[in-house]
Amino acid sequence: MPIRGGKIWFAFSLVAFVVSFGIATALGFLKPYTNWDMVAYVGSAISWQEREPAEIHRKTLQDVEQGVSYKWRKEIAETNARSNDPERFVQNLPFYTNKPAYIASIRLIRAVGLTQTYSAATWIVAALSFACFGILLLFWQPEFMNRTFWLLVLAAFCWAGNHPLSNLARFSTPDSLAMVPIFGSFLALFRLKRPRLGIALMLSAIMVRPETVILAVMVAAICCWIDESQSPLTKVQSVIAGISSMVLYFLIQKLFGNYGYEKFFYYTYVNNIPNPAEVEVHLKLHDYWQALFSGLQHITADSRFIPFVILSAAAAYCHFRLRPAQSAYPWLLLLAWANFAVRFLLLPSWQEYRYYSVNYLLILIASCEMISGYYSKGPVDAPSRRVAPPHKSHAAHGETPRLH
């Protein structure tokens, strides 16, 4: 039913959205998080010019001291076994240099004079990217859900949970930047109906964070599988997108250095060996199961997990009650959970909740549209698959229940 004072409520929801994402962006600029990954990304940016390990190491510590603090350099950068020695530090960089678009953005921010250090550039990239991501969200026009309510949902989602979406603006990692081309790709595919732009943006997301290839290939696979009337891509476009994603991924690993999946898994989830280039690792099944169960405990402890499972179940119920002839949202919901599961099985990240922000967002979009579509069109009788008649109180006034 129509919302009374619609313009006033829409203005309120718009202000709430802008304030919510604006505060998150401001915190990214004013109170960013400091983590060791920032040291590695600074070293990666410097390594594009320098080749000598001693010089890379010296300039990295100098940059960190200038950009953060002398105390942080002494207590974190110089005490960590991965960065207290030039040779070992450079050996750790291939785990970070394989994100060329992110490294390039750090160098660009410093080159244009927004900051004098690469350390501060990592924060600026995160904060600016989060602001751009918020702008893209404004362009997502819901198909069934009332837009006023949708903006309020997004404003709340930005801060929901013990590891909220807003944290992306404060991390010296590529996660915030990756959200821009990833969500931009879905916006182009599902809203703007521009498949070439959608494919190009998804490929650029792989250059920001290579493991996005998992999502890209799954998007291509689902679009190839479902009927073209429901898919934003044709069969040919889906095949091209999938193959291009895999080729680009392996090309990045080849050109920008990589130790391979086995060593990456061991380094990330088993033991942060300080000298990975010198050590042969052999991943055992026991190591994988230990990492998997540890990650599973942390993922299910995320305060967003259970509510989003319930939300997805409600959306699935509404879909099977309504059974619309053509709808891409059930496939979008399936894609989000499938990508969540496959990525977790391959990379069972523990305490790295930011990796799943894009999945939660897609689940939120798909579920809200499916539930809103159900209440705007009405349930369907199971035997006849006909739309049930409107409620008596609405029928008396010649209205059909619908969210506006």
Protein backbone atom coordinates (compact mmCIF):
# COMPACT_ATOMS: atom_id res chain seq x y z
CA MET A 1 0.00 0.00 0.00
CA PRO A 2 1.17 3.57 -0.62
CA ILE A 3 3.30 5.21 2.04
CA ARG A 4 1.70 8.36 3.41
CA GLY A 5 3.86 11.42 2.95
CA GLY A 6 5.89 9.56 0.36
CA LYS A 7 8.14 12.45 -0.60
CA ILE A 8 8.98 13.24 3.01
CA TRP A 9 9.79 9.62 3.80
CA PHE A 10 11.90 9.30 0.66
CA ALA A 11 13.84 12.44 1.58
CA PHE A 12 14.36 11.02 5.07
CA SER A 13 15.58 7.66 3.70
CA LEU A 14 17.93 9.40 1.26
CA VAL A 15 19.42 11.49 4.06
CA ALA A 16 19.78 8.38 6.23
CA PHE A 17 21.59 6.58 3.40
CA VAL A 18 23.94 9.49 2.68
CA VAL A 19 24.72 10.00 6.38
CA SER A 20 25.32 6.28 6.92
CA PHE A 21 27.73 5.87 4.01
CA GLY A 22 29.16 9.35 4.57
CA ILE A 23 30.16 8.55 8.15
CA ALA A 24 31.75 5.28 7.02
CA THR A 25 33.73 7.13 4.36
CA ALA A 26 34.80 9.83 6.81
CA LEU A 27 36.05 7.20 9.26
CA GLY A 28 38.07 5.72 6.42
CA PHE A 29 39.86 9.05 6.01
CA LEU A 30 40.11 10.04 9.68
CA LYS A 31 40.42 6.78 11.62
CA PRO A 32 41.69 4.03 9.32
CA TYR A 33 42.82 0.65 10.59
CA THR A 34 46.50 -0.23 10.62
CA ASN A 35 47.33 -3.82 9.75
CA TRP A 36 50.44 -5.62 8.55
CA ASP A 37 48.96 -6.07 5.06
CA MET A 38 49.46 -2.33 4.59
CA VAL A 39 53.23 -2.85 4.95
CA ALA A 40 53.16 -5.51 2.23
CA TYR A 41 51.11 -3.37 -0.14
CA VAL A 42 53.43 -0.41 0.39
CA GLY A 43 56.37 -2.69 -0.40
CA SER A 44 54.54 -3.98 -3.48
CA ALA A 45 54.00 -0.44 -4.75
CA ILE A 46 57.67 0.41 -4.21
CA SER A 47 58.77 -2.82 -5.91
CA TRP A 48 57.35 -1.53 -9.20
CA GLN A 49 60.34 0.83 -9.30
CA GLU A 50 62.94 -0.79 -7.05
CA ARG A 51 64.46 -4.23 -7.54
CA GLU A 52 66.97 -4.43 -4.70
CA PRO A 53 65.47 -6.07 -1.56
CA ALA A 54 67.42 -3.77 0.76
CA GLU A 55 66.10 -0.64 -0.95
CA ILE A 56 62.51 -1.94 -1.06
CA HIS A 57 62.71 -2.77 2.63
CA ARG A 58 64.30 0.53 3.63
CA LYS A 59 61.86 2.68 1.65
CA THR A 60 58.90 0.67 2.94
CA LEU A 61 59.82 1.18 6.59
CA GLN A 62 60.56 4.84 5.91
CA ASP A 63 57.15 5.25 4.25
CA VAL A 64 55.38 3.50 7.12
CA GLU A 65 57.14 5.68 9.69
CA GLN A 66 56.18 8.83 7.82
CA GLY A 67 52.63 7.74 6.98
CA VAL A 68 51.68 6.08 10.27
CA SER A 69 54.12 6.62 13.13
CA TYR A 70 57.61 5.79 14.32
CA LYS A 71 56.11 3.78 17.19
CA TRP A 72 54.00 1.64 14.85
CA ARG A 73 57.04 1.00 12.67
CA LYS A 74 59.06 -0.19 15.67
CA GLU A 75 56.29 -2.24 17.29
CA ILE A 76 54.74 -3.83 14.19
CA ALA A 77 56.76 -3.55 11.00
CA GLU A 78 60.18 -4.20 12.49
CA THR A 79 59.14 -6.95 14.90
CA ASN A 80 57.16 -9.08 12.46
CA ALA A 81 59.25 -11.94 11.11
CA ARG A 82 57.94 -11.27 7.62
CA SER A 83 59.18 -7.68 7.50
CA ASN A 84 62.20 -7.39 9.83
CA ASP A 85 64.60 -8.65 7.18
CA PRO A 86 64.92 -7.36 3.57
CA GLU A 87 65.21 -10.77 1.92
CA ARG A 88 62.31 -12.32 3.80
CA PHE A 89 60.16 -9.23 3.25
CA VAL A 90 60.62 -9.36 -0.53
CA GLN A 91 59.85 -13.10 -0.50
CA ASN A 92 56.43 -12.30 0.99
CA LEU A 93 55.49 -9.70 -1.62
CA PRO A 94 54.27 -12.15 -4.34
CA PHE A 95 51.26 -12.83 -2.12
CA TYR A 96 50.35 -9.15 -2.58
CA THR A 97 51.78 -8.00 -5.93
CA ASN A 98 49.25 -10.14 -7.82
CA LYS A 99 46.64 -7.39 -7.41
CA PRO A 100 47.90 -5.01 -10.12
CA ALA A 101 44.89 -2.68 -10.28
CA TYR A 102 45.00 -2.09 -6.53
CA ILE A 103 48.77 -1.47 -6.51
CA ALA A 104 48.35 0.89 -9.47
CA SER A 105 45.63 2.83 -7.63
CA ILE A 106 47.93 3.28 -4.61
CA ARG A 107 50.68 4.62 -6.84
CA LEU A 108 48.22 6.88 -8.67
CA ILE A 109 46.93 8.47 -5.45
CA ARG A 110 50.48 9.31 -4.43
CA ALA A 111 51.47 10.43 -7.92
CA VAL A 112 48.67 13.01 -8.20
CA GLY A 113 49.70 14.53 -4.89
CA LEU A 114 46.81 13.55 -2.63
CA THR A 115 49.39 12.26 -0.15
CA GLN A 116 53.14 11.96 0.20
CA THR A 117 53.20 8.33 1.35
CA TYR A 118 51.99 5.03 -0.01
CA SER A 119 50.75 4.14 3.49
CA ALA A 120 48.25 6.98 3.51
CA ALA A 121 47.39 6.20 -0.12
CA THR A 122 46.09 2.77 0.92
CA TRP A 123 43.58 4.48 3.24
CA ILE A 124 42.58 7.05 0.66
CA VAL A 125 41.93 4.32 -1.92
CA ALA A 126 39.72 2.45 0.55
CA ALA A 127 37.72 5.51 1.60
CA LEU A 128 37.25 6.91 -1.92
CA SER A 129 36.28 3.47 -3.22
CA PHE A 130 33.67 3.09 -0.51
CA ALA A 131 32.20 6.47 -1.44
CA CYS A 132 32.02 5.41 -5.11
CA PHE A 133 30.44 2.13 -4.06
CA GLY A 134 27.76 4.04 -2.16
CA ILE A 135 27.03 6.16 -5.23
CA LEU A 136 26.60 3.01 -7.32
CA LEU A 137 24.13 1.66 -4.76
CA LEU A 138 22.01 4.78 -5.27
CA PHE A 139 21.72 3.89 -8.96
CA TRP A 140 20.30 0.45 -8.15
CA GLN A 141 16.58 0.97 -8.74
CA PRO A 142 14.57 -1.80 -7.03
CA GLU A 143 12.10 -3.58 -9.26
CA PHE A 144 9.53 -4.52 -6.61
CA MET A 145 10.68 -3.08 -3.30
CA ASN A 146 9.68 0.41 -2.31
CA ARG A 147 12.75 2.57 -2.87
CA THR A 148 12.27 4.51 0.36
CA PHE A 149 12.36 1.29 2.35
CA TRP A 150 15.28 0.00 0.28
CA LEU A 151 17.46 3.01 1.11
CA LEU A 152 16.70 2.54 4.80
CA VAL A 153 17.64 -1.13 4.52
CA LEU A 154 20.98 -0.19 2.93
CA ALA A 155 21.65 2.46 5.56
CA ALA A 156 21.13 -0.15 8.29
CA PHE A 157 23.07 -2.86 6.43
CA CYS A 158 26.09 -0.56 6.27
CA TRP A 159 26.48 -0.87 10.05
CA ALA A 160 24.84 -4.24 10.72
CA GLY A 161 26.74 -6.98 12.50
CA ASN A 162 29.96 -7.19 14.48
CA HIS A 163 31.94 -6.88 11.23
CA PRO A 164 29.82 -4.42 9.21
CA LEU A 165 30.13 -3.36 5.61
CA SER A 166 31.37 0.06 6.76
CA ASN A 167 34.67 -1.50 7.88
CA LEU A 168 35.71 -1.82 4.23
CA ALA A 169 36.34 1.93 4.14
CA ARG A 170 38.97 1.64 6.87
CA PHE A 171 41.11 -1.33 5.77
CA SER A 172 44.38 -1.02 3.82
CA THR A 173 43.24 -3.85 1.56
CA PRO A 174 41.72 -4.09 -1.95
CA ASP A 175 38.28 -5.12 -0.66
CA SER A 176 36.67 -1.69 -0.83
CA LEU A 177 38.06 -1.01 -4.31
CA ALA A 178 36.95 -4.45 -5.55
CA MET A 179 33.35 -3.75 -4.51
CA VAL A 180 33.12 -0.95 -7.10
CA PRO A 181 33.66 -3.02 -10.29
CA ILE A 182 31.92 -6.08 -8.82
CA PHE A 183 28.72 -4.25 -7.94
CA GLY A 184 29.08 -2.11 -11.05
CA SER A 185 29.10 -5.31 -13.08
CA PHE A 186 25.83 -6.51 -11.53
CA LEU A 187 24.33 -3.05 -12.02
CA ALA A 188 25.28 -3.14 -15.71
CA LEU A 189 24.01 -6.70 -16.20
CA PHE A 190 20.75 -6.61 -14.26
CA ARG A 191 19.69 -2.98 -14.41
CA LEU A 192 21.32 -1.24 -17.34
CA LYS A 193 21.15 -4.36 -19.56
CA ARG A 194 24.64 -3.69 -20.89
CA PRO A 195 26.36 -7.08 -20.98
CA ARG A 196 29.65 -5.90 -22.49
CA LEU A 197 30.08 -3.29 -19.78
CA GLY A 198 29.18 -5.89 -17.14
CA ILE A 199 31.78 -8.34 -18.43
CA ALA A 200 34.45 -5.62 -18.64
CA LEU A 201 33.80 -4.54 -15.05
CA MET A 202 33.96 -8.11 -13.77
CA LEU A 203 37.30 -8.59 -15.52
CA SER A 204 38.61 -5.39 -13.94
CA ALA A 205 37.52 -6.71 -10.53
CA ILE A 206 39.79 -9.73 -11.08
CA MET A 207 42.69 -7.32 -11.54
CA VAL A 208 41.84 -5.76 -8.17
CA ARG A 209 41.36 -9.06 -6.34
CA PRO A 210 42.23 -12.18 -8.36
CA GLU A 211 40.01 -14.59 -6.42
CA THR A 212 37.04 -12.70 -7.86
CA VAL A 213 37.53 -15.15 -10.73
CA ILE A 214 35.45 -17.59 -8.68
CA LEU A 215 32.47 -15.22 -8.79
CA ALA A 216 33.07 -14.33 -12.45
CA VAL A 217 33.14 -17.96 -13.58
CA MET A 218 30.03 -18.79 -11.53
CA VAL A 219 28.15 -15.83 -13.04
CA ALA A 220 29.09 -17.07 -16.51
CA ALA A 221 28.11 -20.65 -15.66
CA ILE A 222 24.69 -19.73 -14.29
CA CYS A 223 23.97 -17.36 -17.19
CA CYS A 224 24.90 -20.15 -19.60
CA TRP A 225 22.72 -22.65 -17.77
CA ILE A 226 19.46 -20.75 -17.31
CA ASP A 227 17.04 -19.69 -20.02
CA GLU A 228 18.14 -16.63 -21.98
CA SER A 229 14.87 -14.89 -21.13
CA GLN A 230 16.03 -14.81 -17.50
CA SER A 231 19.73 -14.31 -18.13
CA PRO A 232 21.48 -10.95 -18.62
CA LEU A 233 23.96 -12.70 -20.93
CA THR A 234 23.51 -14.83 -24.02
CA LYS A 235 25.10 -18.29 -24.14
CA VAL A 236 27.94 -17.00 -26.30
CA GLN A 237 28.57 -14.03 -24.03
CA SER A 238 28.56 -16.33 -21.00
CA VAL A 239 31.19 -18.63 -22.53
CA ILE A 240 33.34 -15.66 -23.56
CA ALA A 241 33.07 -14.14 -20.07
CA GLY A 242 34.00 -17.40 -18.35
CA ILE A 243 36.99 -18.14 -20.57
CA SER A 244 38.22 -14.53 -20.44
CA SER A 245 38.04 -14.53 -16.65
CA MET A 246 40.15 -17.67 -16.33
CA VAL A 247 42.69 -16.52 -18.92
CA LEU A 248 43.07 -13.15 -17.18
CA TYR A 249 43.47 -14.82 -13.79
CA PHE A 250 46.28 -17.11 -14.92
CA LEU A 251 47.91 -14.27 -16.84
CA ILE A 252 48.02 -12.16 -13.67
CA GLN A 253 49.53 -15.00 -11.67
CA LYS A 254 52.16 -15.48 -14.35
CA LEU A 255 53.13 -11.83 -14.82
CA PHE A 256 52.95 -10.55 -11.25
CA GLY A 257 54.36 -13.48 -9.36
CA ASN A 258 52.66 -16.22 -7.42
CA TYR A 259 53.68 -19.26 -5.38
CA GLY A 260 50.67 -21.34 -6.37
CA TYR A 261 47.56 -22.45 -4.52
CA GLU A 262 49.20 -24.99 -2.21
CA LYS A 263 51.79 -22.59 -0.79
CA PHE A 264 49.26 -19.75 -0.60
CA PHE A 265 46.87 -21.95 1.38
CA TYR A 266 49.64 -23.12 3.72
CA TYR A 267 50.93 -19.59 4.20
CA THR A 268 47.51 -18.11 4.87
CA TYR A 269 45.73 -20.77 6.91
CA VAL A 270 48.42 -23.05 8.36
CA ASN A 271 51.63 -21.13 9.04
CA ASN A 272 52.82 -17.64 8.04
CA ILE A 273 56.27 -18.84 7.04
CA PRO A 274 58.55 -15.77 6.85
CA ASN A 275 60.66 -17.12 3.97
CA PRO A 276 58.17 -18.76 1.55
CA ALA A 277 60.58 -18.79 -1.42
CA GLU A 278 63.01 -21.01 0.49
CA VAL A 279 60.57 -23.47 2.01
CA GLU A 280 58.89 -26.42 0.34
CA VAL A 281 55.40 -26.99 1.70
CA HIS A 282 53.23 -30.05 1.44
CA LEU A 283 49.62 -29.43 2.27
CA LYS A 284 48.10 -32.37 4.10
CA LEU A 285 44.44 -33.28 4.32
CA HIS A 286 44.63 -32.72 8.08
CA ASP A 287 45.79 -29.13 7.50
CA TYR A 288 42.90 -28.46 5.14
CA TRP A 289 40.26 -29.88 7.50
CA GLN A 290 41.71 -27.95 10.42
CA ALA A 291 41.58 -24.70 8.44
CA LEU A 292 38.08 -25.50 7.18
CA PHE A 293 36.56 -26.22 10.59
CA SER A 294 38.30 -23.22 12.14
CA GLY A 295 36.92 -21.02 9.38
CA LEU A 296 33.45 -22.54 9.71
CA GLN A 297 33.32 -21.66 13.40
CA HIS A 298 34.18 -18.05 12.68
CA ILE A 299 31.85 -17.68 9.71
CA THR A 300 28.84 -19.01 11.62
CA ALA A 301 29.77 -16.73 14.53
CA ASP A 302 29.31 -13.72 12.26
CA SER A 303 26.16 -12.02 13.52
CA ARG A 304 24.96 -11.58 9.92
CA PHE A 305 25.09 -15.25 8.97
CA ILE A 306 21.97 -16.68 10.65
CA PRO A 307 19.72 -13.68 9.86
CA PHE A 308 20.71 -13.88 6.20
CA VAL A 309 20.01 -17.62 6.13
CA ILE A 310 16.53 -16.90 7.50
CA LEU A 311 16.04 -14.05 5.03
CA SER A 312 17.04 -16.33 2.15
CA ALA A 313 14.66 -19.06 3.35
CA ALA A 314 11.81 -16.52 3.47
CA ALA A 315 12.68 -15.37 -0.05
CA ALA A 316 12.74 -18.96 -1.32
CA TYR A 317 9.33 -19.60 0.26
CA CYS A 318 7.88 -16.52 -1.42
CA HIS A 319 9.35 -17.55 -4.76
CA PHE A 320 7.89 -21.06 -4.68
CA ARG A 321 4.54 -19.68 -3.61
CA LEU A 322 4.47 -17.15 -6.43
CA ARG A 323 6.44 -18.94 -9.15
CA PRO A 324 6.86 -15.95 -11.49
CA ALA A 325 7.27 -16.87 -15.13
CA GLN A 326 10.52 -14.94 -15.52
CA SER A 327 12.71 -13.80 -12.68
CA ALA A 328 16.48 -13.59 -12.35
CA TYR A 329 16.43 -12.98 -8.59
CA PRO A 330 16.24 -16.65 -7.51
CA TRP A 331 19.32 -17.29 -9.64
CA LEU A 332 21.03 -14.26 -8.11
CA LEU A 333 20.29 -15.63 -4.65
CA LEU A 334 21.61 -19.05 -5.66
CA LEU A 335 24.71 -17.44 -7.15
CA ALA A 336 25.44 -15.50 -3.96
CA TRP A 337 25.24 -18.55 -1.70
CA ALA A 338 27.04 -20.79 -4.18
CA ASN A 339 29.90 -18.30 -4.47
CA PHE A 340 29.95 -18.00 -0.68
CA ALA A 341 30.28 -21.79 -0.34
CA VAL A 342 32.78 -22.41 -3.15
CA ARG A 343 35.04 -19.55 -2.10
CA PHE A 344 34.95 -20.77 1.49
CA LEU A 345 35.79 -24.34 0.50
CA LEU A 346 38.75 -23.15 -1.58
CA LEU A 347 39.83 -20.35 0.77
CA PRO A 348 38.33 -20.96 4.24
CA SER A 349 39.15 -17.49 5.48
CA TRP A 350 38.81 -17.12 9.22
CA GLN A 351 38.20 -13.75 10.83
CA GLU A 352 38.29 -12.16 7.36
CA TYR A 353 34.60 -11.33 7.16
CA ARG A 354 35.17 -8.54 4.66
CA TYR A 355 35.69 -11.17 1.93
CA TYR A 356 31.98 -12.05 2.07
CA SER A 357 30.53 -8.53 1.98
CA VAL A 358 29.64 -8.80 -1.71
CA ASN A 359 27.82 -12.09 -1.07
CA TYR A 360 25.75 -10.62 1.74
CA LEU A 361 24.87 -7.65 -0.44
CA LEU A 362 23.71 -9.86 -3.32
CA ILE A 363 21.71 -12.00 -0.89
CA LEU A 364 20.08 -8.86 0.47
CA ILE A 365 19.17 -7.58 -3.00
CA ALA A 366 17.79 -10.90 -4.26
CA SER A 367 15.87 -11.72 -1.08
CA CYS A 368 14.28 -8.29 -0.74
CA GLU A 369 13.18 -8.31 -4.38
CA MET A 370 11.74 -11.83 -4.14
CA ILE A 371 9.82 -11.06 -0.95
CA SER A 372 8.60 -7.69 -2.24
CA GLY A 373 7.61 -9.30 -5.54
CA TYR A 374 5.52 -11.84 -3.64
CA TYR A 375 3.60 -9.21 -1.69
CA SER A 376 3.17 -6.94 -4.69
CA LYS A 377 1.76 -9.70 -6.92
CA GLY A 378 0.09 -11.94 -4.34
CA PRO A 379 0.55 -15.67 -3.61
CA VAL A 380 -0.26 -18.41 -6.10
CA ASP A 381 -2.59 -21.34 -5.36
CA ALA A 382 -0.54 -24.54 -5.52
CA PRO A 383 -3.02 -26.76 -7.47
CA SER A 384 -3.92 -24.29 -10.17
CA ARG A 385 -0.82 -22.04 -10.10
CA ARG A 386 -3.20 -19.10 -10.35
CA VAL A 387 -2.70 -15.84 -8.52
CA ALA A 388 -4.80 -15.81 -5.37
CA PRO A 389 -7.54 -13.15 -5.21
CA PRO A 390 -6.76 -9.97 -3.30
CA HIS A 391 -7.71 -9.63 0.33
CA LYS A 392 -11.35 -8.78 0.89
CA SER A 393 -10.63 -5.36 2.34
CA HIS A 394 -8.65 -4.43 -0.77
CA ALA A 395 -11.09 -6.08 -3.18
CA ALA A 396 -13.88 -3.98 -1.76
CA HIS A 397 -12.05 -0.89 -2.92
CA GLY A 398 -10.96 -2.41 -6.21
CA GLU A 399 -7.29 -2.50 -5.14
CA THR A 400 -4.61 -5.14 -5.32
CA PRO A 401 -2.17 -5.26 -2.39
CA ARG A 402 1.10 -3.78 -3.63
CA LEU A 403 4.15 -2.02 -2.26
CA HIS A 404 4.78 1.36 -3.84
